[in-house]
Structures are given as structure tokens and as C-alpha cells.
Amino acid sequence: MRVAVLGIDIGGTGIKGAPVDVRRGAVTAERFRIKTPRPSTPDAVADVVGQIVAHFSYNGLVGVTFPGVVRNGVVETAANVDKSWIGTDLPALLKTKLDVDAVAVNDADAAAIAETAHGAAKNVKGVVILLTFGTGVGSGLVMDERLVPNTELGHLELDGKDAERHVAESVREKNNWSWKQWAKRANNYLASVDALFSPDLFVIGGGIDKAAQDWLPLLQTRAPVEVARLGNLAGIIGAAKNAQRLAARVR
């Protein structure tokens, strides 16, 4: 029997969702995306989440991601969305505004959950670091297929700034850098991450995965690099799987 959970991925640029067959790790309908509102306040984002829930006529458990540290459902950082999110209980907000039961997780952690279960990190032992390059840089750290949550490695210092200010896909596009120019900075960043964690595998996804053929040959790392196999669906799938797992534990 298929178990379908609605996964919703909140990002700094877009909010997208789809129902997920959590056993297979695949969406069961086409992804639906709406631009992130400006300003991206909790109430405004919750309204967009409500539109996505309504689009699928869904009334069950919802797994939702957030681009920041999420601890027990409470948002603790908000790098690429409105700072008013800090201190917000995301599941409680969605319950109050939309009357839906939700489970929240960091967006890159969700992608790491999905890639570990169904993608590039499946059955990989040791340390795996997933990095998402998009509006910012998210990270998911996995040790022997178990997630270490809320690492936020995009905020490591690189040349005096948050690393994501040098290597995010949004920064590359804003500066009109070639992939060679971007890769020079990305290699410095990956070397810093490698020096701290000595990963056995890097998995790279986020907005840049659509052009992997352009940047993958330019990366120079000690550990092998794999492109996220679930692409931009990884956050959605991971959010749904995380929600289903946590719900099963409390039954």
C-alpha cells in the first residue's frame, strides 16, 4: 500500500510542494510552485503553504522544510527569509492558520534525508555532506546514514564573509560569473569543509543541479562528488519522509 504525504519545500525564492509516495521516494503528482512572498513573513508564507495544500485538495499530514535551523519545530535562524521568523513555531503556525498537522525540518536536512534513502548517498557508509547551492547554501551532514541536523555549513567564514555570499547560485547569477569563475570560489569553500569534516562523499544539489555538466568537471576535491539524484524534488521528498517517520514514532 502506498503511503502519500504532502511535502512542501519553503525556499528564499520559491515555495513548492507535491504529494510523495514515501516508500518509493517519488512524487505522485507534478510539483506545484509559487514565488516566495515579499516580505517573507510567517503569515505571508503560511498563506502560500495554504495555497499549495488547497491545490492538491490535501487534508493529511504535511512535511515542510525551512531555510534555517529548526529545533523541535521552532525556527532559530532565518538567513534568506524575513527575520520575523526567528522564534516561530512553524507547525503551530500552520495548525492555527490552516488547521493542518505539520512536521518541520531544515531544508538541506530534508534533502539529505531523501538522498540517503533514495539517491546519491544511499548505502554510503562514513561521512556524507550534502550541499545545496541556490538562493543560499544549505548543508546536510550524514554519518553512517544517520542525519546530524542543523549544521548550516553555508555560514562558515570564507574570506571574511559567510561562504554562501561567495558561492551561492544566486550570487553567481547576480555577478554574471562563468562556471569557471564560480568553481574557483567553490573549490576554496569545499576545501574548507573538507579540512573540518574529512567527508567520504560530497553530494551537491539545489538550483545548480540543472547545469551539473557545466560545473561538475571543474570541481577539485579530495572526496568524490556526486550530483543529487533527486534534483529539486529532494527537499519535498525528504520533508514528507521525515514527517511520516516522526508520525510513526509517536503512534
Protein backbone atom coordinates (compact mmCIF):
# COMPACT_ATOMS: atom_id res chain seq x y z
CA MET A 1 0.00 0.00 0.00
CA ARG A 2 1.32 3.43 -0.94
CA VAL A 3 1.71 6.00 1.84
CA ALA A 4 1.30 9.53 0.44
CA VAL A 5 2.38 12.58 2.44
CA LEU A 6 2.39 16.13 1.13
CA GLY A 7 5.90 17.59 1.13
CA ILE A 8 6.38 21.36 0.93
CA ASP A 9 9.79 22.99 0.46
CA ILE A 10 9.99 26.62 1.65
CA GLY A 11 12.86 28.49 -0.01
CA GLY A 12 14.06 32.05 -0.20
CA THR A 13 12.96 32.30 -3.84
CA GLY A 14 10.14 29.79 -4.23
CA ILE A 15 7.80 27.55 -2.24
CA LYS A 16 6.96 24.25 -3.89
CA GLY A 17 5.16 21.09 -2.98
CA ALA A 18 3.90 17.73 -4.15
CA PRO A 19 2.38 14.57 -2.66
CA VAL A 20 5.06 11.94 -2.07
CA ASP A 21 4.97 8.17 -2.07
CA VAL A 22 7.28 7.88 0.92
CA ARG A 23 8.02 4.18 0.35
CA ARG A 24 9.39 4.76 -3.14
CA GLY A 25 10.69 8.28 -2.54
CA ALA A 26 8.87 9.71 -5.54
CA VAL A 27 6.25 12.38 -6.10
CA THR A 28 2.84 11.20 -7.22
CA ALA A 29 1.80 14.42 -8.97
CA GLU A 30 3.53 17.29 -10.73
CA ARG A 31 5.28 19.73 -8.43
CA PHE A 32 3.40 22.99 -7.79
CA ARG A 33 5.49 26.12 -7.19
CA ILE A 34 4.67 29.68 -6.05
CA LYS A 35 7.18 32.50 -5.64
CA THR A 36 8.14 33.29 -2.06
CA PRO A 37 6.22 36.40 -1.00
CA ARG A 38 7.94 39.70 -0.25
CA PRO A 39 8.24 40.32 2.60
CA SER A 40 8.51 36.64 3.50
CA THR A 41 6.86 36.96 6.92
CA PRO A 42 5.43 33.92 8.72
CA ASP A 43 1.82 34.85 7.92
CA ALA A 44 2.58 35.53 4.24
CA VAL A 45 4.49 32.27 3.80
CA ALA A 46 1.79 30.32 5.65
CA ASP A 47 -0.78 31.71 3.20
CA VAL A 48 1.28 30.35 0.28
CA VAL A 49 1.61 26.98 2.01
CA GLY A 50 -2.19 27.03 2.29
CA GLN A 51 -2.48 27.60 -1.47
CA ILE A 52 -0.28 24.58 -2.12
CA VAL A 53 -2.30 22.41 0.28
CA ALA A 54 -5.51 23.55 -1.46
CA HIS A 55 -4.03 22.94 -4.91
CA PHE A 56 -3.71 19.24 -4.09
CA SER A 57 -7.00 19.09 -2.13
CA TYR A 58 -4.96 17.52 0.65
CA ASN A 59 -6.09 17.01 4.24
CA GLY A 60 -3.45 14.78 5.82
CA LEU A 61 -0.03 15.15 7.43
CA VAL A 62 2.28 17.74 5.85
CA GLY A 63 6.07 17.68 5.88
CA VAL A 64 7.55 21.14 5.47
CA THR A 65 11.11 22.44 5.14
CA PHE A 66 12.53 25.78 6.23
CA PRO A 67 15.78 27.55 5.17
CA GLY A 68 17.28 27.83 8.64
CA VAL A 69 17.87 25.98 11.89
CA VAL A 70 14.69 24.23 13.06
CA ARG A 71 14.67 22.69 16.53
CA ASN A 72 11.53 20.87 17.71
CA GLY A 73 9.57 22.82 15.10
CA VAL A 74 10.81 26.23 16.25
CA VAL A 75 12.75 28.38 13.76
CA GLU A 76 16.03 29.62 15.24
CA THR A 77 17.71 31.26 12.23
CA ALA A 78 16.43 32.83 9.02
CA ALA A 79 19.22 33.77 6.63
CA ASN A 80 17.26 34.20 3.37
CA VAL A 81 13.74 34.95 4.60
CA ASP A 82 12.25 37.60 6.88
CA LYS A 83 13.91 37.78 10.31
CA SER A 84 10.47 37.80 11.97
CA TRP A 85 10.55 34.02 11.52
CA ILE A 86 13.04 33.63 14.36
CA GLY A 87 11.25 32.12 17.35
CA THR A 88 8.24 31.00 15.30
CA ASP A 89 6.83 27.53 15.95
CA LEU A 90 6.25 26.56 12.32
CA PRO A 91 3.94 23.54 12.88
CA ALA A 92 1.90 25.54 15.40
CA LEU A 93 1.58 28.41 12.92
CA LEU A 94 0.30 26.09 10.20
CA LYS A 95 -2.10 24.43 12.62
CA THR A 96 -3.53 27.79 13.67
CA LYS A 97 -3.80 29.33 10.20
CA LEU A 98 -4.55 26.28 8.06
CA ASP A 99 -5.72 23.61 10.50
CA VAL A 100 -3.13 21.15 9.17
CA ASP A 101 -0.79 18.90 11.13
CA ALA A 102 2.79 19.54 10.05
CA VAL A 103 6.34 18.46 10.84
CA ALA A 104 9.15 20.94 10.08
CA VAL A 105 12.79 20.31 9.21
CA ASN A 106 15.73 22.29 7.85
CA ASP A 107 15.59 22.34 4.04
CA ALA A 108 19.04 20.88 3.37
CA ASP A 109 18.50 18.27 6.09
CA ALA A 110 15.36 17.23 4.22
CA ALA A 111 17.35 16.88 1.01
CA ALA A 112 19.94 14.80 2.87
CA ILE A 113 17.21 12.51 4.23
CA ALA A 114 15.89 11.94 0.72
CA GLU A 115 19.28 11.43 -0.91
CA THR A 116 20.30 9.00 1.83
CA ALA A 117 17.15 6.94 1.43
CA HIS A 118 16.73 7.06 -2.35
CA GLY A 119 19.54 8.98 -4.02
CA ALA A 120 23.27 9.56 -4.29
CA ALA A 121 24.02 8.77 -0.63
CA LYS A 122 22.05 5.53 -0.43
CA ASN A 123 24.01 2.76 1.30
CA VAL A 124 27.06 5.01 1.69
CA LYS A 125 28.89 4.47 4.98
CA GLY A 126 31.03 7.09 6.67
CA VAL A 127 30.57 10.85 6.46
CA VAL A 128 28.46 12.33 3.68
CA ILE A 129 27.99 16.07 3.28
CA LEU A 130 25.17 17.30 1.08
CA LEU A 131 25.42 20.92 -0.06
CA THR A 132 22.66 22.82 -1.82
CA PHE A 133 23.62 25.84 -3.87
CA GLY A 134 20.63 28.07 -4.56
CA THR A 135 19.43 31.33 -3.01
CA GLY A 136 21.92 30.49 -0.24
CA VAL A 137 23.98 27.42 0.64
CA GLY A 138 22.41 24.71 2.76
CA SER A 139 24.10 21.66 4.23
CA GLY A 140 23.13 18.23 5.46
CA LEU A 141 25.61 16.08 7.40
CA VAL A 142 25.07 12.32 7.45
CA MET A 143 27.12 9.79 9.40
CA ASP A 144 26.60 6.12 8.54
CA GLU A 145 23.20 7.00 7.02
CA ARG A 146 22.07 8.91 10.13
CA LEU A 147 21.43 12.64 9.94
CA VAL A 148 23.26 15.13 12.18
CA PRO A 149 20.78 18.04 11.98
CA ASN A 150 21.14 21.80 11.55
CA THR A 151 24.78 22.07 10.50
CA GLU A 152 24.39 25.27 8.42
CA LEU A 153 27.80 24.99 6.76
CA GLY A 154 26.86 27.68 4.26
CA HIS A 155 27.63 30.16 7.04
CA LEU A 156 31.24 29.10 7.52
CA GLU A 157 33.54 32.10 7.14
CA LEU A 158 35.25 32.36 3.78
CA ASP A 159 37.40 35.43 3.03
CA GLY A 160 35.73 37.36 5.82
CA LYS A 161 32.12 36.63 4.83
CA ASP A 162 29.55 33.86 5.06
CA ALA A 163 30.58 31.29 2.47
CA GLU A 164 27.19 31.48 0.77
CA ARG A 165 27.90 35.12 -0.12
CA HIS A 166 30.71 33.81 -2.32
CA VAL A 167 29.34 30.57 -3.75
CA ALA A 168 25.52 30.57 -3.75
CA GLU A 169 23.95 30.17 -7.18
CA SER A 170 22.09 33.46 -6.65
CA VAL A 171 25.45 35.21 -6.17
CA ARG A 172 26.88 33.64 -9.32
CA GLU A 173 23.87 34.79 -11.33
CA LYS A 174 23.90 38.30 -9.84
CA ASN A 175 27.57 38.75 -10.74
CA ASN A 176 27.23 37.00 -14.10
CA TRP A 177 30.17 34.75 -13.29
CA SER A 178 31.15 31.94 -15.61
CA TRP A 179 31.15 28.45 -14.18
CA LYS A 180 34.95 28.58 -14.13
CA GLN A 181 34.86 31.74 -12.02
CA TRP A 182 32.32 30.19 -9.67
CA ALA A 183 34.23 26.90 -9.40
CA LYS A 184 37.39 28.69 -8.23
CA ARG A 185 35.46 30.02 -5.24
CA ALA A 186 33.55 26.78 -4.73
CA ASN A 187 36.78 24.78 -4.61
CA ASN A 188 38.09 27.05 -1.84
CA TYR A 189 34.87 26.53 0.07
CA LEU A 190 34.87 22.75 -0.41
CA ALA A 191 38.48 22.61 0.76
CA SER A 192 37.46 24.39 3.97
CA VAL A 193 34.61 21.95 4.56
CA ASP A 194 36.89 19.02 3.79
CA ALA A 195 39.50 20.25 6.28
CA LEU A 196 36.90 20.36 9.05
CA PHE A 197 34.96 17.14 8.39
CA SER A 198 37.01 14.87 6.10
CA PRO A 199 33.89 13.59 4.32
CA ASP A 200 33.84 10.37 2.35
CA LEU A 201 31.42 11.86 -0.18
CA PHE A 202 30.06 15.24 -1.22
CA VAL A 203 26.57 15.35 -2.70
CA ILE A 204 25.73 18.62 -4.42
CA GLY A 205 22.25 19.79 -5.31
CA GLY A 206 19.99 22.82 -5.16
CA GLY A 207 19.34 25.19 -8.02
CA ILE A 208 22.66 24.47 -9.73
CA ASP A 209 21.97 20.80 -10.33
CA LYS A 210 20.26 21.60 -13.64
CA ALA A 211 23.67 22.59 -15.05
CA ALA A 212 25.79 19.85 -13.48
CA GLN A 213 27.50 19.08 -16.78
CA ASP A 214 28.97 22.61 -16.72
CA TRP A 215 30.36 22.76 -13.17
CA LEU A 216 31.00 19.16 -12.09
CA PRO A 217 34.20 18.72 -14.19
CA LEU A 218 35.58 21.94 -12.64
CA LEU A 219 35.39 20.85 -9.01
CA GLN A 220 38.59 19.62 -7.37
CA THR A 221 38.07 17.80 -4.09
CA ARG A 222 39.70 15.03 -2.11
CA ALA A 223 36.39 13.26 -1.59
CA PRO A 224 34.34 12.16 -4.59
CA VAL A 225 31.46 14.40 -5.66
CA GLU A 226 28.03 13.16 -6.73
CA VAL A 227 25.17 15.24 -8.10
CA ALA A 228 21.96 14.94 -6.07
CA ARG A 229 19.89 12.37 -7.96
CA LEU A 230 16.51 13.65 -6.82
CA GLY A 231 17.23 17.16 -8.04
CA ASN A 232 14.96 19.93 -6.83
CA LEU A 233 12.49 17.33 -5.56
CA ALA A 234 14.88 16.24 -2.80
CA GLY A 235 13.57 18.77 -0.26
CA ILE A 236 9.95 17.87 -0.95
CA ILE A 237 10.60 14.14 -0.73
CA GLY A 238 12.74 14.47 2.40
CA ALA A 239 10.16 16.67 4.13
CA ALA A 240 7.47 14.07 3.50
CA LYS A 241 9.65 11.14 4.63
CA ASN A 242 10.70 12.99 7.78
CA ALA A 243 7.07 13.76 8.67
CA GLN A 244 5.98 10.18 8.09
CA ARG A 245 8.83 8.77 10.19
CA LEU A 246 8.19 11.07 13.13
CA ALA A 247 4.45 10.42 12.99
CA ALA A 248 5.10 6.66 13.05
CA ARG A 249 7.27 7.01 16.17
CA VAL A 250 4.56 8.70 18.23
CA ARG A 251 1.81 6.22 17.36
